[in-house]
Structure formats: C-alpha cells, structure tokens
C-alpha cells in the first residue's frame, strides 16, 4: 500500500442552494453528513462532506454550494461527467420507487460491463449512477428511510469525458498504476489492484465533444487516495518527472493534498488518509458543528452570519 494510489479518495462538485443540496444527499440518498466547514479559499461559501459513518476514503462526496445565483455548468470534454456509486444487487427498482416519490429525474436501469446501473440527476443537474455490486463488503450508513438493503456503499467509478484519452490514460497507467481492464465502445475502464472498491476510472472518448464548463451541477475535481504523507510526496515526484505542474502540499485539515491538471484538462488531487475527520469532532458528532480552519476562527461570527441556515 506504500507509495501507491489506493483508488479514489473523494470527489468534489459544485451546487447552488445549500439547503437543497444538504436535503437531497442526506435525506433522499441517505448519505451521512460528516463535515460542515467552508471553502478554505473562500470562507463565505460552505464546504459540505457526505460519506459513510466515519468518512472513509472512497465514500466522500463534497460540495461547494455557491448559492442560487450561480450559472449553470455544462457537462463536456475535459471534465469528470458522471459519479458512480455502489449499491446492493437487486436494489435499483427500490431506488426507482424512491426517485418517483421525491421527483428525481432518472433513466430506466440499463447494463454496462455486465452490471446493471441506474442514471439520475441531483437537483442541480449533477449526473450520478448507481451500480449493482454483489460483493461490496463496505458497511453502509443507514437512515430511517434508507436501510442496508438499498444504501450506498461508496464510490464504484468515476467517468471522465475527453476528446482524446491518450494523455489522461498515460497519467492513470504510468503514474497512478491503473490498468486497462475493459472497453465498451468508446468507454475504456481502468482499475487499480491495490483496493477492491472505489477502484475504477472510465475514460470516454468523444472527439467532437465541446469543452465542458465547470459551474453549478458539475464536478470540480477528482481526488485519488494515498495512505500517508510519504506516499503523497513520492507521487508528487512522479508527476513532476512526467513534466506536469503540481502544487506544493496543502493542508486541508482532514487530509493533505496535491493538485494538478492532467493533460485532458481535468483537475486531479492526490489526498492522504491522515489525519481524518475525527480530528475536530467525535464520531457521534460528525457534521453537527460548523468547523473552521484556525485562520478563520477570529471572523467566525461574520462567517456564520453570511452562511445560509440548513434547518
């Protein structure tokens, strides 16, 4: 596990209304709200984290809800366009019933790489997919309405759309240790063998697809997991050696990160397991309080007055 990519760490997307985003992911999808903080570069904006009980890497979906006035984004080339979750085998019909109840836009179940999946949109137009996975042993987070028989287990895959996959595929295989394991038309599936789950990246090649626009309802970046800081800096050297520009290490309180744009234009992050989400809240209290980085504590009252209430 040392000095290797361990699948996905988290995915970050952009939303509009904060309360609508909170309600959809915590109530409709039944994810645990594990952290309420702010964008470290823009403290006037929330940063929400949703995941499993403890915020395990490979389950964490985060959002910058920038408010109702934000322009709508556009899925297209040079961006992550679909987020795939793992759900239990036989659960898609129950999810269809739930989506009908909550007026969620969805397509009828289909099949890809031998797995049934269900595509749907969140209230901001972010595209998600539920894949039926038979042997996902990750412990689900349960709510009063979303029980273990349908609850998500964490990420299954992420889809990246590109005009040409060559440069991105090179980063996945030569730097991150992924291997091409399948092709379905213009969709190429890559996997790492270091973990059993959250291990898949699909590259879709659409030569004439227009560039996407990152704004409301789109993915901001995809973060890949490493076990610790030593592994993080080892991967940094590999990215530099490949001739790509990458940031210094950045402290995100709950993990340490590096950022770079891969040749296709997608913002990639590499993030550590340490120190984790219980550094400032007990397990039972995750997501309950507004947690700020130390540099913003002196303006907490101003920040709290600006942020929209969730209750």
C-alpha atoms as a PDB file:
ATOM      1  CA  UNK A   1       0.000   0.000   0.000  1.00  0.00           C
ATOM      2  CA  UNK A   2       3.003   2.279   0.405  1.00  0.00           C
ATOM      3  CA  UNK A   3       3.677   4.761  -2.414  1.00  0.00           C
ATOM      4  CA  UNK A   4       0.662   3.608  -4.419  1.00  0.00           C
ATOM      5  CA  UNK A   5      -2.717   5.025  -5.386  1.00  0.00           C
ATOM      6  CA  UNK A   6      -5.499   3.331  -3.415  1.00  0.00           C
ATOM      7  CA  UNK A   7      -8.414   4.186  -5.666  1.00  0.00           C
ATOM      8  CA  UNK A   8     -10.496   7.299  -5.150  1.00  0.00           C
ATOM      9  CA  UNK A   9     -10.343   9.425  -2.013  1.00  0.00           C
ATOM     10  CA  UNK A  10     -13.151  11.905  -2.692  1.00  0.00           C
ATOM     11  CA  UNK A  11     -14.945  13.780  -5.451  1.00  0.00           C
ATOM     12  CA  UNK A  12     -15.841  17.461  -5.188  1.00  0.00           C
ATOM     13  CA  UNK A  13     -18.692  19.093  -7.105  1.00  0.00           C
ATOM     14  CA  UNK A  14     -20.449  22.455  -7.262  1.00  0.00           C
ATOM     15  CA  UNK A  15     -24.023  23.066  -6.177  1.00  0.00           C
ATOM     16  CA  UNK A  16     -26.394  26.009  -5.954  1.00  0.00           C
ATOM     17  CA  UNK A  17     -28.692  26.255  -2.928  1.00  0.00           C
ATOM     18  CA  UNK A  18     -27.015  24.865   0.199  1.00  0.00           C
ATOM     19  CA  UNK A  19     -30.121  23.588   1.978  1.00  0.00           C
ATOM     20  CA  UNK A  20     -31.445  21.864  -1.148  1.00  0.00           C
ATOM     21  CA  UNK A  21     -28.087  20.136  -1.592  1.00  0.00           C
ATOM     22  CA  UNK A  22     -27.991  19.096   2.076  1.00  0.00           C
ATOM     23  CA  UNK A  23     -31.546  17.733   1.963  1.00  0.00           C
ATOM     24  CA  UNK A  24     -31.037  15.726  -1.217  1.00  0.00           C
ATOM     25  CA  UNK A  25     -27.852  13.936  -0.217  1.00  0.00           C
ATOM     26  CA  UNK A  26     -28.621  13.379   3.459  1.00  0.00           C
ATOM     27  CA  UNK A  27     -32.350  12.659   3.164  1.00  0.00           C
ATOM     28  CA  UNK A  28     -33.107  11.364  -0.347  1.00  0.00           C
ATOM     29  CA  UNK A  29     -29.856   9.452  -0.932  1.00  0.00           C
ATOM     30  CA  UNK A  30     -29.280   8.722   2.757  1.00  0.00           C
ATOM     31  CA  UNK A  31     -25.591   9.653   2.952  1.00  0.00           C
ATOM     32  CA  UNK A  32     -24.110  10.695   6.267  1.00  0.00           C
ATOM     33  CA  UNK A  33     -23.362  14.408   6.572  1.00  0.00           C
ATOM     34  CA  UNK A  34     -19.883  14.133   8.053  1.00  0.00           C
ATOM     35  CA  UNK A  35     -18.486  17.660   7.929  1.00  0.00           C
ATOM     36  CA  UNK A  36     -19.798  21.204   7.671  1.00  0.00           C
ATOM     37  CA  UNK A  37     -16.994  23.644   7.000  1.00  0.00           C
ATOM     38  CA  UNK A  38     -16.150  26.385   4.497  1.00  0.00           C
ATOM     39  CA  UNK A  39     -14.185  26.643   1.307  1.00  0.00           C
ATOM     40  CA  UNK A  40     -10.683  27.271   2.656  1.00  0.00           C
ATOM     41  CA  UNK A  41     -10.045  29.718  -0.198  1.00  0.00           C
ATOM     42  CA  UNK A  42     -13.468  31.397   0.051  1.00  0.00           C
ATOM     43  CA  UNK A  43     -14.812  31.324   3.636  1.00  0.00           C
ATOM     44  CA  UNK A  44     -18.107  32.877   2.575  1.00  0.00           C
ATOM     45  CA  UNK A  45     -19.032  29.560   0.934  1.00  0.00           C
ATOM     46  CA  UNK A  46     -19.861  26.284   2.652  1.00  0.00           C
ATOM     47  CA  UNK A  47     -17.913  23.101   2.006  1.00  0.00           C
ATOM     48  CA  UNK A  48     -20.090  20.051   2.688  1.00  0.00           C
ATOM     49  CA  UNK A  49     -18.817  16.484   3.073  1.00  0.00           C
ATOM     50  CA  UNK A  50     -21.048  13.412   2.710  1.00  0.00           C
ATOM     51  CA  UNK A  51     -19.898   9.803   3.198  1.00  0.00           C
ATOM     52  CA  UNK A  52     -20.236   6.693   5.306  1.00  0.00           C
ATOM     53  CA  UNK A  53     -20.257   6.563   9.102  1.00  0.00           C
ATOM     54  CA  UNK A  54     -16.632   7.631   9.566  1.00  0.00           C
ATOM     55  CA  UNK A  55     -15.921   9.381   6.262  1.00  0.00           C
ATOM     56  CA  UNK A  56     -13.905   6.537   4.762  1.00  0.00           C
ATOM     57  CA  UNK A  57     -11.825   7.328   1.697  1.00  0.00           C
ATOM     58  CA  UNK A  58     -13.716   6.176  -1.373  1.00  0.00           C
ATOM     59  CA  UNK A  59     -17.107   7.244   0.039  1.00  0.00           C
ATOM     60  CA  UNK A  60     -16.643  11.005   0.341  1.00  0.00           C
ATOM     61  CA  UNK A  61     -18.619  13.334  -1.921  1.00  0.00           C
ATOM     62  CA  UNK A  62     -18.081  17.016  -1.200  1.00  0.00           C
ATOM     63  CA  UNK A  63     -19.771  20.185  -2.436  1.00  0.00           C
ATOM     64  CA  UNK A  64     -19.185  23.892  -2.725  1.00  0.00           C
ATOM     65  CA  UNK A  65     -22.790  25.210  -2.652  1.00  0.00           C
ATOM     66  CA  UNK A  66     -22.216  28.640  -4.166  1.00  0.00           C
ATOM     67  CA  UNK A  67     -25.796  29.859  -3.948  1.00  0.00           C
ATOM     68  CA  UNK A  68     -28.880  30.180  -6.113  1.00  0.00           C
ATOM     69  CA  UNK A  69     -27.371  32.817  -8.413  1.00  0.00           C
ATOM     70  CA  UNK A  70     -24.539  30.658  -9.721  1.00  0.00           C
ATOM     71  CA  UNK A  71     -24.592  29.999 -13.503  1.00  0.00           C
ATOM     72  CA  UNK A  72     -25.396  26.506 -14.689  1.00  0.00           C
ATOM     73  CA  UNK A  73     -22.439  24.361 -15.696  1.00  0.00           C
ATOM     74  CA  UNK A  74     -22.250  22.160 -18.761  1.00  0.00           C
ATOM     75  CA  UNK A  75     -21.009  18.581 -18.962  1.00  0.00           C
ATOM     76  CA  UNK A  76     -18.494  18.117 -21.752  1.00  0.00           C
ATOM     77  CA  UNK A  77     -14.967  17.272 -22.714  1.00  0.00           C
ATOM     78  CA  UNK A  78     -12.146  17.845 -20.270  1.00  0.00           C
ATOM     79  CA  UNK A  79     -14.103  17.076 -17.124  1.00  0.00           C
ATOM     80  CA  UNK A  80     -15.457  14.332 -14.901  1.00  0.00           C
ATOM     81  CA  UNK A  81     -19.015  13.883 -16.097  1.00  0.00           C
ATOM     82  CA  UNK A  82     -20.535  11.028 -14.051  1.00  0.00           C
ATOM     83  CA  UNK A  83     -20.138   9.784 -10.476  1.00  0.00           C
ATOM     84  CA  UNK A  84     -20.862   6.097  -9.920  1.00  0.00           C
ATOM     85  CA  UNK A  85     -21.910   4.633  -6.554  1.00  0.00           C
ATOM     86  CA  UNK A  86     -22.074   1.002  -5.483  1.00  0.00           C
ATOM     87  CA  UNK A  87     -25.456  -0.270  -4.254  1.00  0.00           C
ATOM     88  CA  UNK A  88     -26.652  -3.811  -3.384  1.00  0.00           C
ATOM     89  CA  UNK A  89     -27.697  -6.219  -6.103  1.00  0.00           C
ATOM     90  CA  UNK A  90     -31.449  -6.062  -6.668  1.00  0.00           C
ATOM     91  CA  UNK A  91     -31.875  -2.546  -5.222  1.00  0.00           C
ATOM     92  CA  UNK A  92     -32.370  -0.482  -8.390  1.00  0.00           C
ATOM     93  CA  UNK A  93     -36.136  -0.962  -8.546  1.00  0.00           C
ATOM     94  CA  UNK A  94     -36.446   0.281  -4.962  1.00  0.00           C
ATOM     95  CA  UNK A  95     -34.368   3.312  -5.886  1.00  0.00           C
ATOM     96  CA  UNK A  96     -36.669   3.960  -8.847  1.00  0.00           C
ATOM     97  CA  UNK A  97     -39.638   3.959  -6.452  1.00  0.00           C
ATOM     98  CA  UNK A  98     -37.782   6.364  -4.182  1.00  0.00           C
ATOM     99  CA  UNK A  99     -36.888   8.654  -7.062  1.00  0.00           C
ATOM    100  CA  UNK A 100     -40.531   8.703  -8.128  1.00  0.00           C
ATOM    101  CA  UNK A 101     -41.531   9.677  -4.594  1.00  0.00           C
ATOM    102  CA  UNK A 102     -39.060  12.558  -4.475  1.00  0.00           C
ATOM    103  CA  UNK A 103     -39.425  13.681  -8.114  1.00  0.00           C
ATOM    104  CA  UNK A 104     -35.843  12.810  -9.034  1.00  0.00           C
ATOM    105  CA  UNK A 105     -35.023  12.772 -12.752  1.00  0.00           C
ATOM    106  CA  UNK A 106     -33.752   9.320 -13.792  1.00  0.00           C
ATOM    107  CA  UNK A 107     -33.373   6.919 -16.721  1.00  0.00           C
ATOM    108  CA  UNK A 108     -34.590   3.341 -16.620  1.00  0.00           C
ATOM    109  CA  UNK A 109     -31.965   0.796 -15.487  1.00  0.00           C
ATOM    110  CA  UNK A 110     -29.504  -0.361 -18.114  1.00  0.00           C
ATOM    111  CA  UNK A 111     -26.361  -2.521 -18.248  1.00  0.00           C
ATOM    112  CA  UNK A 112     -22.661  -1.737 -18.663  1.00  0.00           C
ATOM    113  CA  UNK A 113     -19.681  -4.089 -18.335  1.00  0.00           C
ATOM    114  CA  UNK A 114     -22.073  -6.797 -17.172  1.00  0.00           C
ATOM    115  CA  UNK A 115     -23.542  -4.700 -14.344  1.00  0.00           C
ATOM    116  CA  UNK A 116     -26.975  -3.132 -14.017  1.00  0.00           C
ATOM    117  CA  UNK A 117     -26.925   0.590 -13.358  1.00  0.00           C
ATOM    118  CA  UNK A 118     -29.329   3.481 -12.901  1.00  0.00           C
ATOM    119  CA  UNK A 119     -28.585   7.047 -14.043  1.00  0.00           C
ATOM    120  CA  UNK A 120     -30.137  10.063 -12.312  1.00  0.00           C
ATOM    121  CA  UNK A 121     -29.618  13.777 -11.696  1.00  0.00           C
ATOM    122  CA  UNK A 122     -29.389  15.675  -8.443  1.00  0.00           C
ATOM    123  CA  UNK A 123     -31.375  18.944  -8.059  1.00  0.00           C
ATOM    124  CA  UNK A 124     -28.551  20.939  -9.679  1.00  0.00           C
ATOM    125  CA  UNK A 125     -28.184  18.604 -12.656  1.00  0.00           C
ATOM    126  CA  UNK A 126     -25.130  16.668 -11.429  1.00  0.00           C
ATOM    127  CA  UNK A 127     -25.129  13.269 -13.134  1.00  0.00           C
ATOM    128  CA  UNK A 128     -24.862  10.215 -10.879  1.00  0.00           C
ATOM    129  CA  UNK A 129     -25.139   6.465 -11.384  1.00  0.00           C
ATOM    130  CA  UNK A 130     -25.961   3.588  -9.057  1.00  0.00           C
ATOM    131  CA  UNK A 131     -24.273   0.291  -9.986  1.00  0.00           C
ATOM    132  CA  UNK A 132     -25.469  -3.015  -8.556  1.00  0.00           C
ATOM    133  CA  UNK A 133     -22.432  -4.685  -6.963  1.00  0.00           C
ATOM    134  CA  UNK A 134     -22.779  -8.156  -5.468  1.00  0.00           C
ATOM    135  CA  UNK A 135     -19.763  -8.377  -3.153  1.00  0.00           C
ATOM    136  CA  UNK A 136     -19.190  -4.880  -1.791  1.00  0.00           C
ATOM    137  CA  UNK A 137     -18.454  -5.526   1.890  1.00  0.00           C
ATOM    138  CA  UNK A 138     -18.220  -1.866   2.927  1.00  0.00           C
ATOM    139  CA  UNK A 139     -20.516  -1.050   5.837  1.00  0.00           C
ATOM    140  CA  UNK A 140     -23.409   1.177   4.730  1.00  0.00           C
ATOM    141  CA  UNK A 141     -24.727   4.189   6.580  1.00  0.00           C
ATOM    142  CA  UNK A 142     -28.420   3.683   7.311  1.00  0.00           C
ATOM    143  CA  UNK A 143     -31.201   6.198   7.915  1.00  0.00           C
ATOM    144  CA  UNK A 144     -34.851   5.793   8.868  1.00  0.00           C
ATOM    145  CA  UNK A 145     -35.790   5.539   5.170  1.00  0.00           C
ATOM    146  CA  UNK A 146     -32.612   4.226   3.518  1.00  0.00           C
ATOM    147  CA  UNK A 147     -31.764   0.837   5.015  1.00  0.00           C
ATOM    148  CA  UNK A 148     -28.880  -1.524   4.307  1.00  0.00           C
ATOM    149  CA  UNK A 149     -30.766  -3.389   1.567  1.00  0.00           C
ATOM    150  CA  UNK A 150     -30.511  -0.330  -0.730  1.00  0.00           C
ATOM    151  CA  UNK A 151     -27.967   2.006   0.906  1.00  0.00           C
ATOM    152  CA  UNK A 152     -24.878   3.135  -0.994  1.00  0.00           C
ATOM    153  CA  UNK A 153     -21.549   1.554  -0.077  1.00  0.00           C
ATOM    154  CA  UNK A 154     -19.342   4.282  -1.536  1.00  0.00           C
ATOM    155  CA  UNK A 155     -17.937   5.034  -4.956  1.00  0.00           C
ATOM    156  CA  UNK A 156     -17.909   2.449  -7.714  1.00  0.00           C
ATOM    157  CA  UNK A 157     -16.341   4.514 -10.508  1.00  0.00           C
ATOM    158  CA  UNK A 158     -15.924   7.981 -11.954  1.00  0.00           C
ATOM    159  CA  UNK A 159     -16.336   8.806 -15.647  1.00  0.00           C
ATOM    160  CA  UNK A 160     -14.107  11.331 -17.419  1.00  0.00           C
ATOM    161  CA  UNK A 161     -15.050  12.597 -20.882  1.00  0.00           C
ATOM    162  CA  UNK A 162     -12.268  13.618 -23.282  1.00  0.00           C
ATOM    163  CA  UNK A 163     -11.655  14.408 -26.943  1.00  0.00           C
ATOM    164  CA  UNK A 164      -8.607  12.152 -26.796  1.00  0.00           C
ATOM    165  CA  UNK A 165      -7.904   9.792 -23.904  1.00  0.00           C
ATOM    166  CA  UNK A 166      -4.201   9.201 -24.577  1.00  0.00           C
ATOM    167  CA  UNK A 167      -2.675  11.754 -22.179  1.00  0.00           C
ATOM    168  CA  UNK A 168      -5.117  11.034 -19.365  1.00  0.00           C
ATOM    169  CA  UNK A 169      -4.708   7.286 -19.786  1.00  0.00           C
ATOM    170  CA  UNK A 170      -0.947   7.796 -19.519  1.00  0.00           C
ATOM    171  CA  UNK A 171      -1.319   9.509 -16.146  1.00  0.00           C
ATOM    172  CA  UNK A 172      -3.555   6.716 -14.888  1.00  0.00           C
ATOM    173  CA  UNK A 173      -1.264   3.900 -16.029  1.00  0.00           C
ATOM    174  CA  UNK A 174       2.252   5.363 -15.795  1.00  0.00           C
ATOM    175  CA  UNK A 175       1.900   7.499 -12.652  1.00  0.00           C
ATOM    176  CA  UNK A 176      -1.086   6.110 -10.733  1.00  0.00           C
ATOM    177  CA  UNK A 177      -0.686   2.399 -11.501  1.00  0.00           C
ATOM    178  CA  UNK A 178      -4.043   1.777 -13.202  1.00  0.00           C
ATOM    179  CA  UNK A 179      -4.537  -0.932 -15.820  1.00  0.00           C
ATOM    180  CA  UNK A 180      -6.986  -1.030 -18.730  1.00  0.00           C
ATOM    181  CA  UNK A 181      -9.423  -3.834 -17.882  1.00  0.00           C
ATOM    182  CA  UNK A 182     -12.232  -3.368 -20.397  1.00  0.00           C
ATOM    183  CA  UNK A 183     -13.690  -1.479 -23.346  1.00  0.00           C
ATOM    184  CA  UNK A 184     -17.323  -0.857 -24.244  1.00  0.00           C
ATOM    185  CA  UNK A 185     -17.449   1.137 -27.476  1.00  0.00           C
ATOM    186  CA  UNK A 186     -15.726   4.446 -26.770  1.00  0.00           C
ATOM    187  CA  UNK A 187     -15.651   3.806 -22.997  1.00  0.00           C
ATOM    188  CA  UNK A 188     -12.374   2.493 -21.570  1.00  0.00           C
ATOM    189  CA  UNK A 189     -12.347   1.168 -17.995  1.00  0.00           C
ATOM    190  CA  UNK A 190      -9.210   1.372 -15.854  1.00  0.00           C
ATOM    191  CA  UNK A 191      -8.669  -0.167 -12.403  1.00  0.00           C
ATOM    192  CA  UNK A 192      -6.088  -0.360  -9.645  1.00  0.00           C
ATOM    193  CA  UNK A 193      -5.466  -3.666  -7.890  1.00  0.00           C
ATOM    194  CA  UNK A 194      -4.445  -2.077  -4.573  1.00  0.00           C
ATOM    195  CA  UNK A 195      -8.053  -1.884  -3.315  1.00  0.00           C
ATOM    196  CA  UNK A 196     -11.263  -3.783  -4.010  1.00  0.00           C
ATOM    197  CA  UNK A 197     -13.662  -0.817  -4.144  1.00  0.00           C
ATOM    198  CA  UNK A 198     -13.660   2.779  -5.473  1.00  0.00           C
ATOM    199  CA  UNK A 199     -11.006   1.431  -7.837  1.00  0.00           C
ATOM    200  CA  UNK A 200     -12.429   2.224 -11.288  1.00  0.00           C
ATOM    201  CA  UNK A 201     -11.984   5.140 -13.685  1.00  0.00           C
ATOM    202  CA  UNK A 202     -13.843   5.186 -17.008  1.00  0.00           C
ATOM    203  CA  UNK A 203     -12.479   7.316 -19.847  1.00  0.00           C
ATOM    204  CA  UNK A 204     -14.998   8.170 -22.561  1.00  0.00           C
ATOM    205  CA  UNK A 205     -13.534   9.420 -25.843  1.00  0.00           C
ATOM    206  CA  UNK A 206     -15.739  11.821 -27.822  1.00  0.00           C
ATOM    207  CA  UNK A 207     -13.588  13.504 -30.457  1.00  0.00           C
ATOM    208  CA  UNK A 208     -16.082  16.252 -31.323  1.00  0.00           C
ATOM    209  CA  UNK A 209     -17.463  16.924 -27.843  1.00  0.00           C
ATOM    210  CA  UNK A 210     -17.366  20.595 -26.804  1.00  0.00           C
ATOM    211  CA  UNK A 211     -15.392  21.550 -23.723  1.00  0.00           C
ATOM    212  CA  UNK A 212     -17.396  21.373 -20.529  1.00  0.00           C
ATOM    213  CA  UNK A 213     -17.923  24.367 -18.263  1.00  0.00           C
ATOM    214  CA  UNK A 214     -17.336  23.896 -14.535  1.00  0.00           C
ATOM    215  CA  UNK A 215     -20.134  25.636 -12.605  1.00  0.00           C
ATOM    216  CA  UNK A 216     -23.404  24.602 -10.943  1.00  0.00           C
ATOM    217  CA  UNK A 217     -24.149  20.884 -11.267  1.00  0.00           C
ATOM    218  CA  UNK A 218     -20.697  19.758 -12.386  1.00  0.00           C
ATOM    219  CA  UNK A 219     -17.654  18.060 -10.886  1.00  0.00           C
ATOM    220  CA  UNK A 220     -14.884  20.380  -9.734  1.00  0.00           C
ATOM    221  CA  UNK A 221     -12.149  17.775  -9.192  1.00  0.00           C
ATOM    222  CA  UNK A 222     -11.414  14.108  -8.554  1.00  0.00           C
ATOM    223  CA  UNK A 223      -9.159  13.128  -5.641  1.00  0.00           C
ATOM    224  CA  UNK A 224      -7.118   9.935  -5.548  1.00  0.00           C
ATOM    225  CA  UNK A 225      -6.120   8.266  -2.284  1.00  0.00           C
ATOM    226  CA  UNK A 226      -2.708   7.596  -0.749  1.00  0.00           C
ATOM    227  CA  UNK A 227      -2.070   6.232   2.722  1.00  0.00           C
ATOM    228  CA  UNK A 228       0.194   8.962   4.144  1.00  0.00           C
ATOM    229  CA  UNK A 229       2.393  11.999   3.514  1.00  0.00           C
ATOM    230  CA  UNK A 230       5.395   9.966   2.438  1.00  0.00           C
ATOM    231  CA  UNK A 231       3.353   8.330  -0.308  1.00  0.00           C
ATOM    232  CA  UNK A 232       1.906  11.712  -1.248  1.00  0.00           C
ATOM    233  CA  UNK A 233       5.321  13.238  -1.839  1.00  0.00           C
ATOM    234  CA  UNK A 234       6.535  10.144  -3.676  1.00  0.00           C
ATOM    235  CA  UNK A 235       3.675  10.569  -6.149  1.00  0.00           C
ATOM    236  CA  UNK A 236       4.475  14.267  -6.426  1.00  0.00           C
ATOM    237  CA  UNK A 237       7.934  13.395  -7.705  1.00  0.00           C
ATOM    238  CA  UNK A 238       6.403  11.108 -10.331  1.00  0.00           C
ATOM    239  CA  UNK A 239       4.034  13.845 -11.526  1.00  0.00           C
ATOM    240  CA  UNK A 240       6.919  16.341 -11.747  1.00  0.00           C
ATOM    241  CA  UNK A 241       9.046  13.808 -13.631  1.00  0.00           C
ATOM    242  CA  UNK A 242       6.233  13.492 -16.178  1.00  0.00           C
ATOM    243  CA  UNK A 243       6.525  17.219 -16.893  1.00  0.00           C
ATOM    244  CA  UNK A 244       3.249  18.251 -15.248  1.00  0.00           C
ATOM    245  CA  UNK A 245       2.800  21.239 -12.943  1.00  0.00           C
ATOM    246  CA  UNK A 246       1.709  20.306  -9.430  1.00  0.00           C
ATOM    247  CA  UNK A 247       1.134  22.311  -6.253  1.00  0.00           C
ATOM    248  CA  UNK A 248       3.123  22.042  -3.048  1.00  0.00           C
ATOM    249  CA  UNK A 249       1.498  20.015  -0.275  1.00  0.00           C
ATOM    250  CA  UNK A 250      -1.605  21.774   1.075  1.00  0.00           C
ATOM    251  CA  UNK A 251      -3.139  21.110   4.499  1.00  0.00           C
ATOM    252  CA  UNK A 252      -6.907  20.605   4.206  1.00  0.00           C
ATOM    253  CA  UNK A 253      -7.279  19.850   7.962  1.00  0.00           C
ATOM    254  CA  UNK A 254      -8.768  16.382   7.341  1.00  0.00           C
ATOM    255  CA  UNK A 255      -6.205  15.291   4.732  1.00  0.00           C
ATOM    256  CA  UNK A 256      -3.112  16.624   2.977  1.00  0.00           C
ATOM    257  CA  UNK A 257      -3.311  17.312  -0.736  1.00  0.00           C
ATOM    258  CA  UNK A 258      -1.583  17.983  -4.029  1.00  0.00           C
ATOM    259  CA  UNK A 259      -3.343  19.333  -7.140  1.00  0.00           C
ATOM    260  CA  UNK A 260      -2.506  19.192 -10.832  1.00  0.00           C
ATOM    261  CA  UNK A 261      -4.271  19.265 -14.192  1.00  0.00           C
ATOM    262  CA  UNK A 262      -3.843  16.114 -16.206  1.00  0.00           C
ATOM    263  CA  UNK A 263      -3.280  16.504 -19.993  1.00  0.00           C
ATOM    264  CA  UNK A 264      -7.007  16.309 -20.761  1.00  0.00           C
ATOM    265  CA  UNK A 265      -7.699  19.312 -18.531  1.00  0.00           C
ATOM    266  CA  UNK A 266      -9.314  17.621 -15.522  1.00  0.00           C
ATOM    267  CA  UNK A 267      -8.206  18.811 -12.085  1.00  0.00           C
ATOM    268  CA  UNK A 268      -6.761  15.852 -10.193  1.00  0.00           C
ATOM    269  CA  UNK A 269      -5.982  15.819  -6.487  1.00  0.00           C
ATOM    270  CA  UNK A 270      -3.942  13.307  -4.506  1.00  0.00           C
ATOM    271  CA  UNK A 271      -5.066  13.152  -0.863  1.00  0.00           C
ATOM    272  CA  UNK A 272      -3.920  11.312   2.259  1.00  0.00           C
ATOM    273  CA  UNK A 273      -5.882   9.200   4.720  1.00  0.00           C
ATOM    274  CA  UNK A 274      -4.427  11.182   7.611  1.00  0.00           C
ATOM    275  CA  UNK A 275      -5.461  12.819   9.854  1.00  0.00           C
ATOM    276  CA  UNK A 276      -9.144  12.021   9.203  1.00  0.00           C
ATOM    277  CA  UNK A 277     -12.495  13.615  10.010  1.00  0.00           C
ATOM    278  CA  UNK A 278     -12.481  12.992  13.745  1.00  0.00           C
ATOM    279  CA  UNK A 279      -9.632  15.410  14.337  1.00  0.00           C
ATOM    280  CA  UNK A 280     -12.138  18.073  15.446  1.00  0.00           C
ATOM    281  CA  UNK A 281     -15.376  16.135  16.150  1.00  0.00           C
ATOM    282  CA  UNK A 282     -16.217  12.870  17.872  1.00  0.00           C
ATOM    283  CA  UNK A 283     -17.698  10.087  15.734  1.00  0.00           C
ATOM    284  CA  UNK A 284     -21.217  10.635  17.035  1.00  0.00           C
ATOM    285  CA  UNK A 285     -20.983  14.396  16.409  1.00  0.00           C
ATOM    286  CA  UNK A 286     -19.688  14.389  12.838  1.00  0.00           C
ATOM    287  CA  UNK A 287     -21.362  17.090  10.761  1.00  0.00           C
ATOM    288  CA  UNK A 288     -23.118  18.801  13.643  1.00  0.00           C
ATOM    289  CA  UNK A 289     -20.986  21.907  14.105  1.00  0.00           C
ATOM    290  CA  UNK A 290     -19.513  24.465  11.731  1.00  0.00           C
ATOM    291  CA  UNK A 291     -15.806  23.651  11.684  1.00  0.00           C
ATOM    292  CA  UNK A 292     -13.390  26.338  10.548  1.00  0.00           C
ATOM    293  CA  UNK A 293      -9.665  26.288   9.860  1.00  0.00           C
ATOM    294  CA  UNK A 294      -7.737  28.131  12.547  1.00  0.00           C
ATOM    295  CA  UNK A 295      -7.047  31.135  10.285  1.00  0.00           C
ATOM    296  CA  UNK A 296     -10.783  31.948  10.152  1.00  0.00           C
ATOM    297  CA  UNK A 297     -11.749  31.483  13.815  1.00  0.00           C
ATOM    298  CA  UNK A 298     -11.300  35.192  14.510  1.00  0.00           C
ATOM    299  CA  UNK A 299     -14.064  36.005  11.983  1.00  0.00           C
ATOM    300  CA  UNK A 300     -16.397  33.130  12.907  1.00  0.00           C
ATOM    301  CA  UNK A 301     -19.336  35.421  13.719  1.00  0.00           C
ATOM    302  CA  UNK A 302     -19.106  37.151  10.350  1.00  0.00           C
ATOM    303  CA  UNK A 303     -18.890  33.820   8.525  1.00  0.00           C
ATOM    304  CA  UNK A 304     -21.843  32.321  10.395  1.00  0.00           C
ATOM    305  CA  UNK A 305     -23.948  35.404   9.697  1.00  0.00           C
ATOM    306  CA  UNK A 306     -23.286  35.079   5.962  1.00  0.00           C
ATOM    307  CA  UNK A 307     -23.949  31.352   5.556  1.00  0.00           C
ATOM    308  CA  UNK A 308     -27.465  30.085   4.854  1.00  0.00           C
ATOM    309  CA  UNK A 309     -29.125  28.079   7.666  1.00  0.00           C
ATOM    310  CA  UNK A 310     -29.693  24.367   6.981  1.00  0.00           C
ATOM    311  CA  UNK A 311     -32.537  23.739   9.446  1.00  0.00           C
END
